[in-house]
C-alpha atoms as a PDB file:
ATOM      1  CA  LEU A   1       1.428  -4.947 -29.272  1.00  0.00           C
ATOM      2  CA  PHE A   2       4.546  -4.244 -32.341  1.00  0.00           C
ATOM      3  CA  LYS A   3       2.365  -3.115 -35.639  1.00  0.00           C
ATOM      4  CA  GLY A   4       4.750  -2.957 -38.439  1.00  0.00           C
ATOM      5  CA  SER A   5       7.997  -5.453 -39.088  1.00  0.00           C
ATOM      6  CA  ASN A   6      10.084  -2.303 -39.157  1.00  0.00           C
ATOM      7  CA  PHE A   7       9.720  -1.948 -35.103  1.00  0.00           C
ATOM      8  CA  LEU A   8      10.568  -5.718 -34.833  1.00  0.00           C
ATOM      9  CA  ASP A   9      13.823  -4.852 -35.829  1.00  0.00           C
ATOM     10  CA  ILE A  10      14.439  -1.801 -33.517  1.00  0.00           C
ATOM     11  CA  ILE A  11      13.674  -3.961 -30.825  1.00  0.00           C
ATOM     12  CA  ALA A  12      16.738  -6.350 -31.753  1.00  0.00           C
ATOM     13  CA  ASN A  13      18.643  -3.026 -30.263  1.00  0.00           C
ATOM     14  CA  ILE A  14      17.159  -2.038 -27.228  1.00  0.00           C
ATOM     15  CA  GLN A  15      19.405  -1.569 -24.358  1.00  0.00           C
ATOM     16  CA  ASN A  16      17.173  -0.579 -21.181  1.00  0.00           C
ATOM     17  CA  VAL A  17      13.967  -1.646 -20.176  1.00  0.00           C
ATOM     18  CA  VAL A  18      12.092   0.508 -18.059  1.00  0.00           C
ATOM     19  CA  MET A  19       8.870  -0.956 -15.976  1.00  0.00           C
ATOM     20  CA  ASP A  20       6.449  -0.501 -13.229  1.00  0.00           C
ATOM     21  CA  LYS A  21       6.527  -2.464 -10.313  1.00  0.00           C
ATOM     22  CA  THR A  22       2.751  -3.058  -9.790  1.00  0.00           C
ATOM     23  CA  GLY A  23       0.904  -4.942 -11.945  1.00  0.00           C
ATOM     24  CA  THR A  24       4.446  -5.854 -14.004  1.00  0.00           C
ATOM     25  CA  LEU A  25       6.740  -7.208 -11.335  1.00  0.00           C
ATOM     26  CA  THR A  26       3.814  -7.755  -9.233  1.00  0.00           C
ATOM     27  CA  LYS A  27       0.340  -9.199  -9.143  1.00  0.00           C
ATOM     28  CA  GLY A  28      -1.003  -6.030  -8.399  1.00  0.00           C
ATOM     29  CA  VAL A  29      -3.389  -8.027  -5.309  1.00  0.00           C
ATOM     30  CA  PHE A  30      -2.619  -6.652  -2.053  1.00  0.00           C
ATOM     31  CA  ASP A  31      -3.118  -8.287   0.995  1.00  0.00           C
ATOM     32  CA  VAL A  32      -2.601  -7.215   4.989  1.00  0.00           C
ATOM     33  CA  GLN A  33       0.648  -8.797   6.057  1.00  0.00           C
ATOM     34  CA  GLU A  34       0.548  -8.289   9.607  1.00  0.00           C
ATOM     35  CA  VAL A  35      -1.698  -6.389  12.070  1.00  0.00           C
ATOM     36  CA  ASN A  36       0.231  -4.281  14.997  1.00  0.00           C
ATOM     37  CA  ILE A  37      -2.467  -2.753  17.055  1.00  0.00           C
ATOM     38  CA  LYS A  38      -1.365  -1.480  20.711  1.00  0.00           C
ATOM     39  CA  THR A  39      -2.555  -3.396  23.115  1.00  0.00           C
ATOM     40  CA  GLU A  40      -3.942  -0.523  25.402  1.00  0.00           C
ATOM     41  CA  PHE A  41      -6.400  -0.818  22.115  1.00  0.00           C
ATOM     42  CA  ASN A  42      -9.712  -3.210  21.252  1.00  0.00           C
ATOM     43  CA  LYS A  43      -8.062  -4.548  18.249  1.00  0.00           C
ATOM     44  CA  ASP A  44     -11.232  -6.057  16.407  1.00  0.00           C
ATOM     45  CA  GLU A  45     -12.666  -2.386  17.165  1.00  0.00           C
ATOM     46  CA  ILE A  46     -10.349  -0.290  15.640  1.00  0.00           C
ATOM     47  CA  LEU A  47     -10.126  -3.132  12.864  1.00  0.00           C
ATOM     48  CA  GLN A  48     -13.848  -2.316  12.385  1.00  0.00           C
ATOM     49  CA  MET A  49     -13.236   1.598  12.386  1.00  0.00           C
ATOM     50  CA  VAL A  50     -10.929   1.259  10.154  1.00  0.00           C
ATOM     51  CA  ASN A  51     -12.869  -1.096   8.134  1.00  0.00           C
ATOM     52  CA  ALA A  52     -15.369   0.968   7.680  1.00  0.00           C
ATOM     53  CA  LEU A  53     -13.228   3.973   6.624  1.00  0.00           C
ATOM     54  CA  GLU A  54     -11.650   1.843   4.156  1.00  0.00           C
ATOM     55  CA  SER A  55     -15.451   1.015   2.250  1.00  0.00           C
ATOM     56  CA  GLN A  56     -15.228   4.485   1.518  1.00  0.00           C
ATOM     57  CA  SER A  57     -12.073   4.045  -1.238  1.00  0.00           C
ATOM     58  CA  THR A  58     -11.670   2.229  -3.884  1.00  0.00           C
ATOM     59  CA  HIS A  59      -7.500   1.837  -3.139  1.00  0.00           C
ATOM     60  CA  PRO A  60      -5.679  -1.272  -3.568  1.00  0.00           C
ATOM     61  CA  VAL A  61      -4.749  -0.907   0.043  1.00  0.00           C
ATOM     62  CA  ALA A  62      -8.440  -0.300   1.012  1.00  0.00           C
ATOM     63  CA  THR A  63      -9.761  -3.847  -0.782  1.00  0.00           C
ATOM     64  CA  ALA A  64      -6.875  -5.312   1.201  1.00  0.00           C
ATOM     65  CA  ILE A  65      -8.159  -4.301   4.321  1.00  0.00           C
ATOM     66  CA  GLN A  66     -11.697  -5.253   3.507  1.00  0.00           C
ATOM     67  CA  LYS A  67     -10.885  -8.644   2.245  1.00  0.00           C
ATOM     68  CA  TYR A  68      -8.865  -9.096   5.387  1.00  0.00           C
ATOM     69  CA  VAL A  69     -11.794  -7.618   7.958  1.00  0.00           C
ATOM     70  CA  GLY A  70     -14.744  -8.617   6.029  1.00  0.00           C
ATOM     71  CA  ASN A  71     -18.023  -7.043   6.001  1.00  0.00           C
ATOM     72  CA  VAL A  72     -18.407  -3.148   7.319  1.00  0.00           C
ATOM     73  CA  ASN A  73     -20.081  -3.112  10.554  1.00  0.00           C
ATOM     74  CA  ALA A  74     -23.565  -1.359   9.736  1.00  0.00           C
ATOM     75  CA  SER A  75     -23.578   0.225  12.924  1.00  0.00           C
ATOM     76  CA  ILE A  76     -20.404   2.041  13.018  1.00  0.00           C
ATOM     77  CA  GLN A  77     -21.380   5.792  12.009  1.00  0.00           C
ATOM     78  CA  LEU A  78     -18.773   7.682   9.744  1.00  0.00           C
ATOM     79  CA  ASN A  79     -19.039  11.565  10.003  1.00  0.00           C
ATOM     80  CA  ASN A  80     -16.843  14.440   7.990  1.00  0.00           C
ATOM     81  CA  VAL A  81     -14.788  11.505   5.437  1.00  0.00           C
ATOM     82  CA  GLU A  82     -12.551  13.222   3.984  1.00  0.00           C
ATOM     83  CA  GLU A  83      -9.551  11.895   1.583  1.00  0.00           C
ATOM     84  CA  ILE A  84      -6.283  13.917   1.955  1.00  0.00           C
ATOM     85  CA  SER A  85      -4.351  13.412  -1.168  1.00  0.00           C
ATOM     86  CA  GLY A  86      -0.825  11.585  -0.865  1.00  0.00           C
ATOM     87  CA  HIS A  87      -1.737  10.511   2.946  1.00  0.00           C
ATOM     88  CA  GLY A  88      -4.931   8.881   3.468  1.00  0.00           C
ATOM     89  CA  LEU A  89      -8.249   8.953   4.571  1.00  0.00           C
ATOM     90  CA  LYS A  90      -9.879  11.218   8.037  1.00  0.00           C
ATOM     91  CA  ALA A  91     -13.055  10.540   9.902  1.00  0.00           C
ATOM     92  CA  THR A  92     -14.829  11.338  13.022  1.00  0.00           C
ATOM     93  CA  ILE A  93     -16.518   8.429  14.508  1.00  0.00           C
ATOM     94  CA  ASN A  94     -18.675   8.620  18.115  1.00  0.00           C
ATOM     95  CA  GLU A  95     -17.079  12.117  18.056  1.00  0.00           C
ATOM     96  CA  LYS A  96     -13.320  11.263  17.932  1.00  0.00           C
ATOM     97  CA  GLU A  97     -10.735  11.448  15.129  1.00  0.00           C
ATOM     98  CA  LEU A  98     -10.065   8.433  12.986  1.00  0.00           C
ATOM     99  CA  LEU A  99      -6.814   8.611  11.085  1.00  0.00           C
ATOM    100  CA  VAL A 100      -5.842   6.027   8.657  1.00  0.00           C
ATOM    101  CA  GLY A 101      -2.932   6.465   6.211  1.00  0.00           C
ATOM    102  CA  ASN A 102       0.671   6.677   6.100  1.00  0.00           C
ATOM    103  CA  PHE A 103       3.288   8.454   8.867  1.00  0.00           C
ATOM    104  CA  LYS A 104       3.030  11.833   6.766  1.00  0.00           C
ATOM    105  CA  LEU A 105      -0.676  11.730   7.826  1.00  0.00           C
ATOM    106  CA  MET A 106      -0.109  10.992  11.361  1.00  0.00           C
ATOM    107  CA  ASP A 107       3.425  13.682  10.892  1.00  0.00           C
ATOM    108  CA  LYS A 108       0.465  16.099   9.465  1.00  0.00           C
ATOM    109  CA  PHE A 109      -1.445  15.931  12.441  1.00  0.00           C
ATOM    110  CA  ASN A 110       1.158  15.581  15.292  1.00  0.00           C
ATOM    111  CA  ILE A 111       0.285  12.262  16.240  1.00  0.00           C
ATOM    112  CA  GLN A 112       3.265  10.873  18.460  1.00  0.00           C
ATOM    113  CA  TYR A 113       4.271   7.264  17.423  1.00  0.00           C
ATOM    114  CA  ASP A 114       7.153   5.136  18.587  1.00  0.00           C
ATOM    115  CA  ILE A 115       8.659   3.348  15.915  1.00  0.00           C
ATOM    116  CA  ASP A 116      10.449   3.615  12.438  1.00  0.00           C
ATOM    117  CA  PRO A 117       8.327   3.209  10.022  1.00  0.00           C
ATOM    118  CA  ASN A 118      11.874   3.138   7.290  1.00  0.00           C
ATOM    119  CA  THR A 119      12.343   0.206   9.544  1.00  0.00           C
ATOM    120  CA  ILE A 120       9.493  -1.851   8.068  1.00  0.00           C
ATOM    121  CA  VAL A 121       9.921  -3.857   4.722  1.00  0.00           C
ATOM    122  CA  TYR A 122       5.860  -3.667   3.490  1.00  0.00           C
ATOM    123  CA  THR A 123       3.645  -0.632   3.243  1.00  0.00           C
ATOM    124  CA  VAL A 124       2.535   0.699   6.466  1.00  0.00           C
ATOM    125  CA  ILE A 125      -0.635   1.728   7.315  1.00  0.00           C
ATOM    126  CA  ALA A 126      -0.518   4.242  10.390  1.00  0.00           C
ATOM    127  CA  ILE A 127      -4.188   4.253  12.635  1.00  0.00           C
ATOM    128  CA  SER A 128      -4.957   7.287  14.883  1.00  0.00           C
ATOM    129  CA  TYR A 129      -7.759   7.621  17.013  1.00  0.00           C
ATOM    130  CA  ASP A 130      -8.802  10.311  19.264  1.00  0.00           C
ATOM    131  CA  LYS A 131      -5.247  11.779  18.686  1.00  0.00           C
ATOM    132  CA  ARG A 132      -3.371   8.501  19.796  1.00  0.00           C
ATOM    133  CA  PHE A 133      -1.133   6.794  17.592  1.00  0.00           C
ATOM    134  CA  VAL A 134      -3.002   2.993  17.636  1.00  0.00           C
ATOM    135  CA  GLY A 135      -1.058   0.876  15.765  1.00  0.00           C
ATOM    136  CA  TYR A 136      -0.524  -0.355  11.893  1.00  0.00           C
ATOM    137  CA  LEU A 137      -1.350  -2.262   9.544  1.00  0.00           C
ATOM    138  CA  THR A 138       1.355  -4.028   6.722  1.00  0.00           C
ATOM    139  CA  ILE A 139       0.644  -4.448   3.574  1.00  0.00           C
ATOM    140  CA  ALA A 140       2.175  -6.582   0.713  1.00  0.00           C
ATOM    141  CA  ASP A 141       2.025  -7.361  -3.288  1.00  0.00           C
ATOM    142  CA  GLU A 142       2.595 -10.518  -4.300  1.00  0.00           C
ATOM    143  CA  ILE A 143       5.519 -10.985  -6.854  1.00  0.00           C
ATOM    144  CA  LYS A 144       4.719 -12.468  -9.906  1.00  0.00           C
ATOM    145  CA  GLU A 145       6.598 -15.940 -10.154  1.00  0.00           C
ATOM    146  CA  ASP A 146       8.254 -15.538 -13.887  1.00  0.00           C
ATOM    147  CA  ALA A 147       9.285 -12.096 -12.490  1.00  0.00           C
ATOM    148  CA  GLN A 148      12.541 -12.914 -11.477  1.00  0.00           C
ATOM    149  CA  ASP A 149      12.948 -15.132 -15.008  1.00  0.00           C
ATOM    150  CA  ALA A 150      12.273 -12.215 -16.832  1.00  0.00           C
ATOM    151  CA  VAL A 151      14.654  -9.757 -15.605  1.00  0.00           C
ATOM    152  CA  ASN A 152      17.151 -12.188 -15.561  1.00  0.00           C
ATOM    153  CA  ASN A 153      16.876 -13.215 -19.102  1.00  0.00           C
ATOM    154  CA  LEU A 154      16.857  -9.423 -19.678  1.00  0.00           C
ATOM    155  CA  HIS A 155      19.934  -9.084 -18.235  1.00  0.00           C
ATOM    156  CA  ASN A 156      21.860 -12.196 -20.110  1.00  0.00           C
ATOM    157  CA  LEU A 157      20.957 -10.173 -23.553  1.00  0.00           C
ATOM    158  CA  LYS A 158      22.914  -6.985 -21.608  1.00  0.00           C
ATOM    159  CA  VAL A 159      19.348  -4.877 -21.569  1.00  0.00           C
ATOM    160  CA  LYS A 160      19.493  -2.949 -18.396  1.00  0.00           C
ATOM    161  CA  THR A 161      16.242  -3.344 -16.360  1.00  0.00           C
ATOM    162  CA  THR A 162      14.802   0.126 -14.376  1.00  0.00           C
ATOM    163  CA  MET A 163      11.946   0.092 -12.140  1.00  0.00           C
ATOM    164  CA  LEU A 164       9.984   2.675 -11.614  1.00  0.00           C
ATOM    165  CA  SER A 165       7.644   2.892  -8.352  1.00  0.00           C
ATOM    166  CA  GLY A 166       5.290   4.954  -6.096  1.00  0.00           C
ATOM    167  CA  ASP A 167       6.005   2.864  -3.539  1.00  0.00           C
ATOM    168  CA  LYS A 168       8.793   3.309  -0.578  1.00  0.00           C
ATOM    169  CA  THR A 169      12.389   2.596  -0.853  1.00  0.00           C
ATOM    170  CA  SER A 170      12.272  -0.478   1.325  1.00  0.00           C
ATOM    171  CA  VAL A 171       9.330  -1.861  -0.972  1.00  0.00           C
ATOM    172  CA  VAL A 172      10.872  -1.013  -3.887  1.00  0.00           C
ATOM    173  CA  LYS A 173      14.759  -3.184  -2.776  1.00  0.00           C
ATOM    174  CA  TYR A 174      12.734  -5.951  -1.728  1.00  0.00           C
ATOM    175  CA  VAL A 175      10.882  -6.755  -4.905  1.00  0.00           C
END
């Protein structure tokens, strides 16, 4: 929204546009893309526990998981729920620790994992239960249909574009 004709004159001289990724170039609606749970664990049981814990959060990733798994199983008893800023969530279920978050969370609690999270393009939600790495979910946001055209049009006008994001580098490069 521009108020005043003098701002319309100024906009003609713009050389750089800086934009946020989520909600600007992408729809801001996240969906689960992949579920990768190790075979020695019961996939449905793990997803139910993760869903119960994520129901404690309003984060868009939590919403995606809730949408994917469905209603929370009321029989799952969460204790000692804790949000660890910048890392994820922690709780106790059946007297065992459940961790759901990024790989920094796994590192913080010395959980050993056998994958390189940098090789996964999407946002990765790592899961640990009873001090063992269980697997991960990938979450992605859909790129808006007109995003590429908008950026191309700015480039055609010789306007440099920069995208800012708190997301990991592989996701930003993909978008």
